[in-house]
């Protein structure tokens, strides 16, 4: 059975996730840890729970989700994965974050490509990649079909959806991604978003004002 731990990191209160199973192998997803205390909080949880990081996964390349990429790769020596349409955002991440008053280490750019339908394995478990462009061209969601949850990055939030006014954003494309892919996972899937609290697909279909599931 997959277990999941969420962390709120950096000034944008970005949700970073650890996902692991009974083997102790874990994925680090969207490490937004910016300060040394945030990095230490992540490392302490991993060490205290006897976890072994094996992969770093980015749901997309926006700076608040990749602030800790360099730290994670340096500390645990793990390969990093991102959709090819968002790789360019990693290449200019240091320069881009400085425009917003942040200083980060340049994230590694020798990443592995994620594609729709890919299976990300760890321990005895896996997550399925769902390409969900709209918030960014290379946005992905990560579904655990056996354990009935999905990590949605900035595509879907509790009561809202991702913004589409940034470069690479497209409202119609995001709505198609949500209506034709994410919502069809099933009402009983728990949603772990890139910001804010967890929810369920059923709750979002019933209450999210941005979704019209027809």
Protein backbone atom coordinates (compact mmCIF):
# COMPACT_ATOMS: atom_id res chain seq x y z
CA UNK A 1 0.00 0.00 0.00
CA UNK A 2 1.26 3.46 -0.94
CA UNK A 3 1.66 6.08 1.78
CA UNK A 4 1.85 9.80 1.13
CA UNK A 5 3.15 12.77 3.12
CA UNK A 6 2.58 16.40 2.15
CA UNK A 7 4.70 19.43 3.01
CA UNK A 8 3.86 23.11 2.55
CA UNK A 9 7.00 24.84 1.30
CA UNK A 10 8.15 28.35 0.30
CA UNK A 11 6.22 31.63 0.36
CA UNK A 12 3.71 30.35 -2.19
CA UNK A 13 2.71 27.49 0.14
CA UNK A 14 3.44 24.91 -2.53
CA UNK A 15 2.61 21.29 -1.75
CA UNK A 16 5.52 18.88 -2.02
CA UNK A 17 4.93 15.17 -1.62
CA UNK A 18 6.75 12.05 -0.50
CA UNK A 19 5.22 8.80 -1.78
CA UNK A 20 6.46 5.40 -0.56
CA UNK A 21 5.45 1.81 0.08
CA UNK A 22 6.40 -1.06 2.39
CA UNK A 23 9.86 -1.37 0.81
CA UNK A 24 10.82 2.14 1.95
CA UNK A 25 11.61 3.28 -1.58
CA UNK A 26 10.09 6.70 -2.15
CA UNK A 27 9.44 9.35 -4.77
CA UNK A 28 10.02 13.03 -4.07
CA UNK A 29 7.42 14.99 -6.01
CA UNK A 30 7.64 18.75 -6.66
CA UNK A 31 10.25 19.61 -4.02
CA UNK A 32 9.54 23.27 -3.36
CA UNK A 33 11.79 23.43 -0.29
CA UNK A 34 13.48 26.83 -0.49
CA UNK A 35 15.05 27.58 2.87
CA UNK A 36 17.57 25.45 4.71
CA UNK A 37 14.99 24.77 7.43
CA UNK A 38 12.55 23.47 4.81
CA UNK A 39 15.24 21.26 3.33
CA UNK A 40 16.08 19.94 6.78
CA UNK A 41 12.40 19.20 7.48
CA UNK A 42 12.22 17.08 4.33
CA UNK A 43 15.46 15.26 5.10
CA UNK A 44 14.48 14.64 8.73
CA UNK A 45 11.21 12.98 7.76
CA UNK A 46 12.98 10.76 5.24
CA UNK A 47 15.66 9.74 7.71
CA UNK A 48 13.34 9.19 10.67
CA UNK A 49 11.07 6.96 8.60
CA UNK A 50 13.88 4.97 7.02
CA UNK A 51 12.95 5.97 3.48
CA UNK A 52 15.15 5.65 0.41
CA UNK A 53 14.52 8.30 -2.27
CA UNK A 54 14.83 6.78 -5.75
CA UNK A 55 13.35 9.40 -8.11
CA UNK A 56 12.47 13.09 -8.25
CA UNK A 57 9.29 13.87 -10.19
CA UNK A 58 8.06 17.30 -11.28
CA UNK A 59 4.41 17.72 -12.25
CA UNK A 60 5.46 20.86 -14.14
CA UNK A 61 8.30 23.35 -14.29
CA UNK A 62 7.04 26.48 -12.52
CA UNK A 63 9.59 27.86 -10.11
CA UNK A 64 7.72 27.27 -6.84
CA UNK A 65 7.63 23.54 -7.61
CA UNK A 66 11.33 23.13 -8.47
CA UNK A 67 13.06 25.29 -5.85
CA UNK A 68 14.44 22.20 -4.11
CA UNK A 69 15.42 20.19 -7.20
CA UNK A 70 19.12 20.96 -6.92
CA UNK A 71 19.14 20.12 -3.20
CA UNK A 72 17.33 16.80 -3.68
CA UNK A 73 19.56 15.62 -6.51
CA UNK A 74 22.72 16.63 -4.66
CA UNK A 75 21.72 15.02 -1.37
CA UNK A 76 20.26 11.75 -2.60
CA UNK A 77 21.73 11.38 -6.10
CA UNK A 78 18.36 10.57 -7.65
CA UNK A 79 17.39 10.96 -11.33
CA UNK A 80 14.81 13.64 -12.06
CA UNK A 81 11.80 13.42 -14.37
CA UNK A 82 9.66 16.07 -16.08
CA UNK A 83 7.56 16.25 -19.24
CA UNK A 84 9.61 17.34 -22.25
CA UNK A 85 7.36 20.36 -22.85
CA UNK A 86 8.45 21.85 -19.51
CA UNK A 87 12.16 21.05 -19.65
CA UNK A 88 12.93 24.55 -20.94
CA UNK A 89 11.55 25.97 -17.70
CA UNK A 90 14.21 24.16 -15.72
CA UNK A 91 16.93 25.60 -17.95
CA UNK A 92 15.92 29.17 -17.13
CA UNK A 93 14.66 28.56 -13.59
CA UNK A 94 17.48 30.38 -11.77
CA UNK A 95 17.10 33.51 -13.90
CA UNK A 96 13.31 33.39 -13.71
CA UNK A 97 13.14 33.04 -9.94
CA UNK A 98 15.48 35.98 -9.48
CA UNK A 99 12.91 38.13 -11.27
CA UNK A 100 10.58 37.39 -8.36
CA UNK A 101 13.19 38.07 -5.68
CA UNK A 102 14.30 34.50 -5.01
CA UNK A 103 17.75 32.97 -5.35
CA UNK A 104 18.00 29.24 -5.97
CA UNK A 105 20.60 26.80 -7.15
CA UNK A 106 20.21 25.94 -10.83
CA UNK A 107 18.11 22.76 -11.07
CA UNK A 108 19.77 19.92 -13.00
CA UNK A 109 18.68 19.90 -16.63
CA UNK A 110 19.80 16.35 -17.50
CA UNK A 111 16.31 15.05 -16.81
CA UNK A 112 14.32 12.08 -18.05
CA UNK A 113 11.22 12.73 -20.14
CA UNK A 114 7.76 11.90 -18.88
CA UNK A 115 5.12 10.93 -21.42
CA UNK A 116 1.39 10.30 -21.17
CA UNK A 117 0.83 6.72 -20.05
CA UNK A 118 4.30 6.22 -18.56
CA UNK A 119 4.54 4.11 -15.42
CA UNK A 120 6.82 5.42 -12.66
CA UNK A 121 7.96 2.47 -10.56
CA UNK A 122 9.28 2.48 -6.99
CA UNK A 123 9.49 -0.43 -4.59
CA UNK A 124 6.51 -2.70 -5.26
CA UNK A 125 4.37 0.19 -6.49
CA UNK A 126 3.89 2.60 -9.35
CA UNK A 127 2.21 5.82 -10.46
CA UNK A 128 0.70 6.39 -13.90
CA UNK A 129 1.52 9.58 -15.79
CA UNK A 130 -1.40 11.55 -17.22
CA UNK A 131 -0.39 14.45 -19.47
CA UNK A 132 -2.67 17.35 -18.52
CA UNK A 133 -1.62 20.46 -20.44
CA UNK A 134 -3.37 23.75 -19.80
CA UNK A 135 -1.68 25.24 -16.75
CA UNK A 136 1.60 24.61 -18.55
CA UNK A 137 2.33 22.73 -21.75
CA UNK A 138 4.08 19.92 -19.92
CA UNK A 139 1.84 19.58 -16.90
CA UNK A 140 1.18 16.04 -15.69
CA UNK A 141 -0.90 14.33 -13.03
CA UNK A 142 0.25 11.18 -11.26
CA UNK A 143 -2.38 8.52 -10.58
CA UNK A 144 -2.17 5.61 -8.14
CA UNK A 145 -4.97 3.47 -9.51
CA UNK A 146 -4.79 0.71 -6.89
CA UNK A 147 -4.74 3.15 -3.99
CA UNK A 148 -7.23 5.54 -5.59
CA UNK A 149 -5.45 8.88 -5.47
CA UNK A 150 -4.04 11.39 -7.94
CA UNK A 151 -1.41 14.10 -7.49
CA UNK A 152 -2.61 16.95 -9.72
CA UNK A 153 0.11 19.59 -9.52
CA UNK A 154 -1.45 22.91 -10.47
CA UNK A 155 -4.11 21.44 -12.77
CA UNK A 156 -6.84 20.92 -10.16
CA UNK A 157 -7.30 22.34 -6.66
CA UNK A 158 -9.97 22.03 -4.00
CA UNK A 159 -12.63 24.41 -5.31
CA UNK A 160 -10.55 25.78 -8.17
CA UNK A 161 -8.37 25.01 -11.18
CA UNK A 162 -4.91 26.09 -12.27
CA UNK A 163 -4.36 29.54 -13.70
CA UNK A 164 -3.97 29.71 -17.46
CA UNK A 165 -2.65 33.26 -17.96
CA UNK A 166 1.02 32.30 -17.70
CA UNK A 167 3.18 31.48 -20.76
CA UNK A 168 2.10 28.09 -22.08
CA UNK A 169 -1.28 28.26 -20.37
CA UNK A 170 -4.49 27.53 -22.25
CA UNK A 171 -7.91 27.51 -20.56
CA UNK A 172 -9.68 25.34 -23.13
CA UNK A 173 -6.83 22.85 -23.05
CA UNK A 174 -6.90 22.68 -19.25
CA UNK A 175 -10.64 22.10 -19.20
CA UNK A 176 -10.24 19.29 -21.73
CA UNK A 177 -7.50 17.75 -19.60
CA UNK A 178 -9.68 17.84 -16.52
CA UNK A 179 -12.99 16.77 -18.03
CA UNK A 180 -11.66 14.09 -20.35
CA UNK A 181 -8.87 12.67 -18.20
CA UNK A 182 -8.75 13.59 -14.52
CA UNK A 183 -12.43 13.56 -13.60
CA UNK A 184 -12.93 10.24 -15.33
CA UNK A 185 -10.61 8.54 -12.84
CA UNK A 186 -13.58 8.16 -10.51
CA UNK A 187 -15.39 9.97 -7.72
CA UNK A 188 -13.55 8.01 -5.03
CA UNK A 189 -10.07 9.19 -6.00
CA UNK A 190 -8.42 11.47 -3.45
CA UNK A 191 -6.88 14.57 -5.08
CA UNK A 192 -3.57 15.89 -3.77
CA UNK A 193 -3.06 19.30 -5.40
CA UNK A 194 -0.04 21.55 -5.82
CA UNK A 195 -1.47 24.11 -3.39
CA UNK A 196 -4.07 23.85 -0.66
CA UNK A 197 -5.87 20.93 0.99
CA UNK A 198 -6.65 17.51 -0.40
CA UNK A 199 -10.09 16.82 -1.84
CA UNK A 200 -11.82 14.13 -3.90
CA UNK A 201 -12.85 14.00 -7.52
CA UNK A 202 -16.45 13.41 -6.46
CA UNK A 203 -16.43 16.51 -4.29
CA UNK A 204 -14.96 18.63 -7.07
CA UNK A 205 -17.53 17.44 -9.60
CA UNK A 206 -20.26 18.36 -7.13
CA UNK A 207 -18.97 21.69 -5.85
CA UNK A 208 -16.13 23.14 -7.96
CA UNK A 209 -17.59 26.17 -9.80
CA UNK A 210 -15.09 25.82 -12.64
CA UNK A 211 -16.13 22.28 -13.54
CA UNK A 212 -19.16 21.44 -15.61
CA UNK A 213 -19.15 17.70 -16.12
CA UNK A 214 -21.73 17.23 -18.86
